[in-house]
Amino acid sequence: MRKIFTRENLVRSIVEAILIVFSVLLALFLDSVIQDRREARTVDELVSHIAGEMRSNLAIVDEWLPYHRSMVDEIDRYLESDELQVSLLTADGIDYGRLMERGLIQDFYSISSWQLAQQSEATSGIDFEVASKISRAYLSQQNVNLTIQRFSDFFFDRQAHDPDQLANSLRILRNLLQELSGQQSVLQYHYRVALEAVDLTDMARD
């Protein structure tokens, strides 16, 4: 009777089994590599959008911070002069436009990229230190936005347009501008730190 399980057949079966297992493991490994690269690409795109948004917001700070600081000095000048204060009075109340010819701010700090990132699972792939610095920057930005909202509350307050309350209103406006300037200075710092961290991460990856 012919032997079915010869030594040669046994060796061939073992080799085929090893090849099958190796093929499966190789396929799983390649799939994992592809998935990791896809996730890394998603994280890179996410960070790139956030960095672009921060750079745009930093440009706003760089433009408007000197103006807001100069407005603090300008209001101080008005507070020291009754004649200048009288020049702000009109038949309708107080002309703040004469004092702030550029208004308060013509641009708005964006937060859309950061909000979208927080809703994405890819955010967990961002380096912890980088993510922390980005988060601190946006928290500082939130404080700035809240203070800007307080300016709206101020200008919509009837008392702010009462000529009899002019000096007091100017002091309130000055304090708000000083607070805004301080917060923007902090924001400027956090933006630069966060962007530097992103750039260093990109350089290390390259």
C-alpha atoms as a PDB file:
ATOM      1  CA  MET A   1       0.000   0.000   0.000  1.00  0.00           C
ATOM      2  CA  ARG A   2       1.351   3.450  -1.103  1.00  0.00           C
ATOM      3  CA  LYS A   3       2.186   5.843   1.708  1.00  0.00           C
ATOM      4  CA  ILE A   4       0.193   9.089   1.580  1.00  0.00           C
ATOM      5  CA  PHE A   5       2.124  11.036   4.244  1.00  0.00           C
ATOM      6  CA  THR A   6       5.650  10.782   2.978  1.00  0.00           C
ATOM      7  CA  ARG A   7       8.456  12.902   4.330  1.00  0.00           C
ATOM      8  CA  GLU A   8       8.398  14.983   1.168  1.00  0.00           C
ATOM      9  CA  ASN A   9       4.657  15.601   1.440  1.00  0.00           C
ATOM     10  CA  LEU A  10       5.002  16.590   5.080  1.00  0.00           C
ATOM     11  CA  VAL A  11       7.784  19.074   4.301  1.00  0.00           C
ATOM     12  CA  ARG A  12       5.792  20.496   1.378  1.00  0.00           C
ATOM     13  CA  SER A  13       2.699  20.900   3.559  1.00  0.00           C
ATOM     14  CA  ILE A  14       4.671  22.650   6.275  1.00  0.00           C
ATOM     15  CA  VAL A  15       6.297  25.006   3.749  1.00  0.00           C
ATOM     16  CA  GLU A  16       2.916  25.788   2.169  1.00  0.00           C
ATOM     17  CA  ALA A  17       1.399  26.464   5.594  1.00  0.00           C
ATOM     18  CA  ILE A  18       4.289  28.763   6.488  1.00  0.00           C
ATOM     19  CA  LEU A  19       3.904  30.614   3.172  1.00  0.00           C
ATOM     20  CA  ILE A  20       0.175  31.046   3.750  1.00  0.00           C
ATOM     21  CA  VAL A  21       0.723  32.381   7.271  1.00  0.00           C
ATOM     22  CA  PHE A  22       3.525  34.653   6.016  1.00  0.00           C
ATOM     23  CA  SER A  23       1.310  35.962   3.196  1.00  0.00           C
ATOM     24  CA  VAL A  24      -1.499  36.743   5.637  1.00  0.00           C
ATOM     25  CA  LEU A  25       0.861  38.476   8.073  1.00  0.00           C
ATOM     26  CA  LEU A  26       2.490  40.412   5.225  1.00  0.00           C
ATOM     27  CA  ALA A  27      -0.918  41.531   3.967  1.00  0.00           C
ATOM     28  CA  LEU A  28      -1.917  42.634   7.470  1.00  0.00           C
ATOM     29  CA  PHE A  29       1.390  44.460   7.902  1.00  0.00           C
ATOM     30  CA  LEU A  30       1.093  46.272   4.574  1.00  0.00           C
ATOM     31  CA  ASP A  31      -2.493  47.192   5.345  1.00  0.00           C
ATOM     32  CA  SER A  32      -1.382  48.575   8.723  1.00  0.00           C
ATOM     33  CA  VAL A  33       1.408  50.586   7.059  1.00  0.00           C
ATOM     34  CA  ILE A  34      -1.003  52.007   4.488  1.00  0.00           C
ATOM     35  CA  GLN A  35      -3.492  52.878   7.217  1.00  0.00           C
ATOM     36  CA  ASP A  36      -0.800  54.531   9.340  1.00  0.00           C
ATOM     37  CA  ARG A  37       0.356  56.604   6.370  1.00  0.00           C
ATOM     38  CA  ARG A  38      -3.223  57.577   5.568  1.00  0.00           C
ATOM     39  CA  GLU A  39      -3.802  58.656   9.175  1.00  0.00           C
ATOM     40  CA  ALA A  40      -0.478  60.536   9.251  1.00  0.00           C
ATOM     41  CA  ARG A  41      -1.456  62.342   6.053  1.00  0.00           C
ATOM     42  CA  THR A  42      -4.817  63.254   7.591  1.00  0.00           C
ATOM     43  CA  VAL A  43      -3.091  64.590  10.727  1.00  0.00           C
ATOM     44  CA  ASP A  44      -0.650  66.598   8.582  1.00  0.00           C
ATOM     45  CA  GLU A  45      -3.517  68.144   6.617  1.00  0.00           C
ATOM     46  CA  LEU A  46      -5.362  68.914   9.838  1.00  0.00           C
ATOM     47  CA  VAL A  47      -2.358  70.621  11.407  1.00  0.00           C
ATOM     48  CA  SER A  48      -1.689  72.478   8.157  1.00  0.00           C
ATOM     49  CA  HIS A  49      -5.213  73.955   8.170  1.00  0.00           C
ATOM     50  CA  ILE A  50      -4.907  74.933  11.834  1.00  0.00           C
ATOM     51  CA  ALA A  51      -1.490  76.502  11.264  1.00  0.00           C
ATOM     52  CA  GLY A  52      -2.860  78.471   8.308  1.00  0.00           C
ATOM     53  CA  GLU A  53      -5.705  79.739  10.436  1.00  0.00           C
ATOM     54  CA  MET A  54      -3.339  80.727  13.251  1.00  0.00           C
ATOM     55  CA  ARG A  55      -1.079  82.586  10.816  1.00  0.00           C
ATOM     56  CA  SER A  56      -4.062  84.534   9.498  1.00  0.00           C
ATOM     57  CA  ASN A  57      -5.160  85.351  13.035  1.00  0.00           C
ATOM     58  CA  LEU A  58      -1.608  86.335  14.003  1.00  0.00           C
ATOM     59  CA  ALA A  59      -1.544  88.770  11.081  1.00  0.00           C
ATOM     60  CA  ILE A  60      -4.696  90.369  12.508  1.00  0.00           C
ATOM     61  CA  VAL A  61      -3.052  90.733  15.930  1.00  0.00           C
ATOM     62  CA  ASP A  62       0.100  92.192  14.384  1.00  0.00           C
ATOM     63  CA  GLU A  63      -1.971  94.763  12.503  1.00  0.00           C
ATOM     64  CA  TRP A  64      -4.444  95.832  15.196  1.00  0.00           C
ATOM     65  CA  LEU A  65      -2.488  95.569  18.449  1.00  0.00           C
ATOM     66  CA  PRO A  66      -0.386  98.715  17.797  1.00  0.00           C
ATOM     67  CA  TYR A  67      -3.564 100.607  16.879  1.00  0.00           C
ATOM     68  CA  HIS A  68      -5.348  99.584  20.078  1.00  0.00           C
ATOM     69  CA  ARG A  69      -2.312 100.567  22.154  1.00  0.00           C
ATOM     70  CA  SER A  70      -2.226 103.953  20.446  1.00  0.00           C
ATOM     71  CA  MET A  71      -5.930 104.386  21.217  1.00  0.00           C
ATOM     72  CA  VAL A  72      -5.199 104.016  24.941  1.00  0.00           C
ATOM     73  CA  ASP A  73      -2.717 106.883  24.676  1.00  0.00           C
ATOM     74  CA  GLU A  74      -5.172 108.901  22.584  1.00  0.00           C
ATOM     75  CA  ILE A  75      -7.969 108.528  25.144  1.00  0.00           C
ATOM     76  CA  ASP A  76      -5.540 109.579  27.891  1.00  0.00           C
ATOM     77  CA  ARG A  77      -4.910 112.728  25.860  1.00  0.00           C
ATOM     78  CA  TYR A  78      -8.643 113.416  25.649  1.00  0.00           C
ATOM     79  CA  LEU A  79      -9.126 112.791  29.366  1.00  0.00           C
ATOM     80  CA  GLU A  80      -6.526 115.462  30.124  1.00  0.00           C
ATOM     81  CA  SER A  81      -8.238 118.069  27.927  1.00  0.00           C
ATOM     82  CA  ASP A  82     -11.750 119.432  28.416  1.00  0.00           C
ATOM     83  CA  GLU A  83     -11.501 121.062  24.993  1.00  0.00           C
ATOM     84  CA  LEU A  84     -10.839 117.726  23.286  1.00  0.00           C
ATOM     85  CA  GLN A  85     -13.690 116.109  25.184  1.00  0.00           C
ATOM     86  CA  VAL A  86     -16.089 118.829  24.034  1.00  0.00           C
ATOM     87  CA  SER A  87     -15.033 118.144  20.429  1.00  0.00           C
ATOM     88  CA  LEU A  88     -16.562 114.676  20.767  1.00  0.00           C
ATOM     89  CA  LEU A  89     -20.017 116.024  21.582  1.00  0.00           C
ATOM     90  CA  THR A  90     -22.675 116.196  18.879  1.00  0.00           C
ATOM     91  CA  ALA A  91     -26.392 116.847  18.770  1.00  0.00           C
ATOM     92  CA  ASP A  92     -26.897 113.064  18.914  1.00  0.00           C
ATOM     93  CA  GLY A  93     -24.563 112.454  21.842  1.00  0.00           C
ATOM     94  CA  ILE A  94     -20.913 111.373  21.670  1.00  0.00           C
ATOM     95  CA  ASP A  95     -19.010 110.887  18.423  1.00  0.00           C
ATOM     96  CA  TYR A  96     -16.725 107.914  19.143  1.00  0.00           C
ATOM     97  CA  GLY A  97     -15.949 107.718  15.430  1.00  0.00           C
ATOM     98  CA  ARG A  98     -13.928 110.907  15.766  1.00  0.00           C
ATOM     99  CA  LEU A  99     -11.884 109.245  18.458  1.00  0.00           C
ATOM    100  CA  MET A 100     -11.567 105.846  16.750  1.00  0.00           C
ATOM    101  CA  GLU A 101     -11.360 106.584  13.045  1.00  0.00           C
ATOM    102  CA  ARG A 102     -10.647 102.944  12.146  1.00  0.00           C
ATOM    103  CA  GLY A 103     -13.353 101.651  14.426  1.00  0.00           C
ATOM    104  CA  LEU A 104     -12.510  98.906  16.873  1.00  0.00           C
ATOM    105  CA  ILE A 105     -11.388  96.131  14.525  1.00  0.00           C
ATOM    106  CA  GLN A 106     -12.227  95.336  10.910  1.00  0.00           C
ATOM    107  CA  ASP A 107     -11.185  91.671  10.938  1.00  0.00           C
ATOM    108  CA  PHE A 108     -12.370  88.743  12.985  1.00  0.00           C
ATOM    109  CA  TYR A 109     -10.337  85.960  14.531  1.00  0.00           C
ATOM    110  CA  SER A 110     -11.295  82.650  12.932  1.00  0.00           C
ATOM    111  CA  ILE A 111     -11.731  79.434  14.895  1.00  0.00           C
ATOM    112  CA  SER A 112     -13.369  77.158  12.282  1.00  0.00           C
ATOM    113  CA  SER A 113     -10.312  74.943  11.580  1.00  0.00           C
ATOM    114  CA  TRP A 114      -9.741  74.331  15.285  1.00  0.00           C
ATOM    115  CA  GLN A 115     -13.419  73.546  15.853  1.00  0.00           C
ATOM    116  CA  LEU A 116     -13.427  71.037  12.972  1.00  0.00           C
ATOM    117  CA  ALA A 117     -10.231  69.478  14.297  1.00  0.00           C
ATOM    118  CA  GLN A 118     -11.804  68.903  17.706  1.00  0.00           C
ATOM    119  CA  GLN A 119     -14.565  66.916  16.020  1.00  0.00           C
ATOM    120  CA  SER A 120     -12.088  64.692  14.175  1.00  0.00           C
ATOM    121  CA  GLU A 121     -10.549  61.499  15.564  1.00  0.00           C
ATOM    122  CA  ALA A 122      -7.338  62.474  13.767  1.00  0.00           C
ATOM    123  CA  THR A 123      -6.723  65.106  16.453  1.00  0.00           C
ATOM    124  CA  SER A 124      -5.450  62.332  18.735  1.00  0.00           C
ATOM    125  CA  GLY A 125      -2.587  61.869  16.278  1.00  0.00           C
ATOM    126  CA  ILE A 126      -1.223  65.369  16.868  1.00  0.00           C
ATOM    127  CA  ASP A 127       1.859  65.499  19.076  1.00  0.00           C
ATOM    128  CA  PHE A 128       0.756  66.195  22.652  1.00  0.00           C
ATOM    129  CA  GLU A 129       3.048  69.191  23.190  1.00  0.00           C
ATOM    130  CA  VAL A 130       2.033  70.717  19.867  1.00  0.00           C
ATOM    131  CA  ALA A 131      -1.664  70.149  20.589  1.00  0.00           C
ATOM    132  CA  SER A 132      -1.270  71.734  24.038  1.00  0.00           C
ATOM    133  CA  LYS A 133       0.338  74.862  22.605  1.00  0.00           C
ATOM    134  CA  ILE A 134      -2.324  75.146  19.908  1.00  0.00           C
ATOM    135  CA  SER A 135      -5.031  74.740  22.537  1.00  0.00           C
ATOM    136  CA  ARG A 136      -3.540  77.500  24.704  1.00  0.00           C
ATOM    137  CA  ALA A 137      -3.464  79.819  21.691  1.00  0.00           C
ATOM    138  CA  TYR A 138      -7.144  79.270  20.963  1.00  0.00           C
ATOM    139  CA  LEU A 139      -8.076  79.680  24.616  1.00  0.00           C
ATOM    140  CA  SER A 140      -6.313  83.059  24.545  1.00  0.00           C
ATOM    141  CA  GLN A 141      -8.196  83.866  21.369  1.00  0.00           C
ATOM    142  CA  GLN A 142     -11.477  83.072  23.119  1.00  0.00           C
ATOM    143  CA  ASN A 143     -10.635  85.617  25.823  1.00  0.00           C
ATOM    144  CA  VAL A 144      -9.969  88.247  23.153  1.00  0.00           C
ATOM    145  CA  ASN A 145     -13.285  87.515  21.427  1.00  0.00           C
ATOM    146  CA  LEU A 146     -15.148  87.827  24.733  1.00  0.00           C
ATOM    147  CA  THR A 147     -13.557  91.221  25.369  1.00  0.00           C
ATOM    148  CA  ILE A 148     -14.486  92.377  21.845  1.00  0.00           C
ATOM    149  CA  GLN A 149     -18.071  91.411  22.673  1.00  0.00           C
ATOM    150  CA  ARG A 150     -17.887  93.664  25.731  1.00  0.00           C
ATOM    151  CA  PHE A 151     -17.170  96.598  23.409  1.00  0.00           C
ATOM    152  CA  SER A 152     -20.480  95.908  21.690  1.00  0.00           C
ATOM    153  CA  ASP A 153     -22.185  95.939  25.076  1.00  0.00           C
ATOM    154  CA  PHE A 154     -20.483  99.241  25.843  1.00  0.00           C
ATOM    155  CA  PHE A 155     -21.470 100.985  22.621  1.00  0.00           C
ATOM    156  CA  PHE A 156     -25.074  99.783  22.909  1.00  0.00           C
ATOM    157  CA  ASP A 157     -25.337 101.091  26.461  1.00  0.00           C
ATOM    158  CA  ARG A 158     -27.312 104.354  26.524  1.00  0.00           C
ATOM    159  CA  GLN A 159     -25.115 105.722  29.278  1.00  0.00           C
ATOM    160  CA  ALA A 160     -22.092 105.535  26.951  1.00  0.00           C
ATOM    161  CA  HIS A 161     -23.801 108.160  24.760  1.00  0.00           C
ATOM    162  CA  ASP A 162     -24.824 110.488  27.586  1.00  0.00           C
ATOM    163  CA  PRO A 163     -22.785 113.734  27.302  1.00  0.00           C
ATOM    164  CA  ASP A 164     -22.883 114.128  31.069  1.00  0.00           C
ATOM    165  CA  GLN A 165     -21.102 110.783  31.411  1.00  0.00           C
ATOM    166  CA  LEU A 166     -18.450 111.510  28.779  1.00  0.00           C
ATOM    167  CA  ALA A 167     -15.383 111.413  31.028  1.00  0.00           C
ATOM    168  CA  ASN A 168     -16.543 108.261  32.769  1.00  0.00           C
ATOM    169  CA  SER A 169     -17.363 106.605  29.428  1.00  0.00           C
ATOM    170  CA  LEU A 170     -13.935 107.475  28.099  1.00  0.00           C
ATOM    171  CA  ARG A 171     -12.326 105.861  31.146  1.00  0.00           C
ATOM    172  CA  ILE A 172     -14.382 102.703  30.629  1.00  0.00           C
ATOM    173  CA  LEU A 173     -13.444 102.639  26.946  1.00  0.00           C
ATOM    174  CA  ARG A 174      -9.800 103.185  27.810  1.00  0.00           C
ATOM    175  CA  ASN A 175      -9.810 100.322  30.314  1.00  0.00           C
ATOM    176  CA  LEU A 176     -11.446  98.018  27.772  1.00  0.00           C
ATOM    177  CA  LEU A 177      -8.845  98.917  25.158  1.00  0.00           C
ATOM    178  CA  GLN A 178      -6.049  98.384  27.643  1.00  0.00           C
ATOM    179  CA  GLU A 179      -7.469  94.989  28.576  1.00  0.00           C
ATOM    180  CA  LEU A 180      -7.889  94.063  24.917  1.00  0.00           C
ATOM    181  CA  SER A 181      -4.321  95.127  24.153  1.00  0.00           C
ATOM    182  CA  GLY A 182      -2.977  93.001  26.989  1.00  0.00           C
ATOM    183  CA  GLN A 183      -4.960  89.965  25.881  1.00  0.00           C
ATOM    184  CA  GLN A 184      -3.867  90.419  22.277  1.00  0.00           C
ATOM    185  CA  SER A 185      -0.260  90.604  23.396  1.00  0.00           C
ATOM    186  CA  VAL A 186      -0.688  87.261  25.177  1.00  0.00           C
ATOM    187  CA  LEU A 187      -2.465  85.861  22.124  1.00  0.00           C
ATOM    188  CA  GLN A 188       0.345  87.036  19.875  1.00  0.00           C
ATOM    189  CA  TYR A 189       2.850  85.199  22.080  1.00  0.00           C
ATOM    190  CA  HIS A 190       0.842  81.944  22.136  1.00  0.00           C
ATOM    191  CA  TYR A 191       0.322  82.014  18.370  1.00  0.00           C
ATOM    192  CA  ARG A 192       4.044  82.365  17.783  1.00  0.00           C
ATOM    193  CA  VAL A 193       4.883  79.579  20.245  1.00  0.00           C
ATOM    194  CA  ALA A 194       2.305  77.242  18.681  1.00  0.00           C
ATOM    195  CA  LEU A 195       3.431  77.975  15.124  1.00  0.00           C
ATOM    196  CA  GLU A 196       7.065  77.448  16.092  1.00  0.00           C
ATOM    197  CA  ALA A 197       6.129  74.054  17.572  1.00  0.00           C
ATOM    198  CA  VAL A 198       4.297  73.101  14.363  1.00  0.00           C
ATOM    199  CA  ASP A 199       7.273  74.176  12.220  1.00  0.00           C
ATOM    200  CA  LEU A 200       9.732  72.231  14.387  1.00  0.00           C
ATOM    201  CA  THR A 201       7.549  69.113  14.117  1.00  0.00           C
ATOM    202  CA  ASP A 202       7.472  69.467  10.328  1.00  0.00           C
ATOM    203  CA  MET A 203      11.266  69.843  10.215  1.00  0.00           C
ATOM    204  CA  ALA A 204      11.778  66.767  12.412  1.00  0.00           C
ATOM    205  CA  ARG A 205       9.470  64.739  10.162  1.00  0.00           C
ATOM    206  CA  ASP A 206      11.300  65.831   7.020  1.00  0.00           C
END
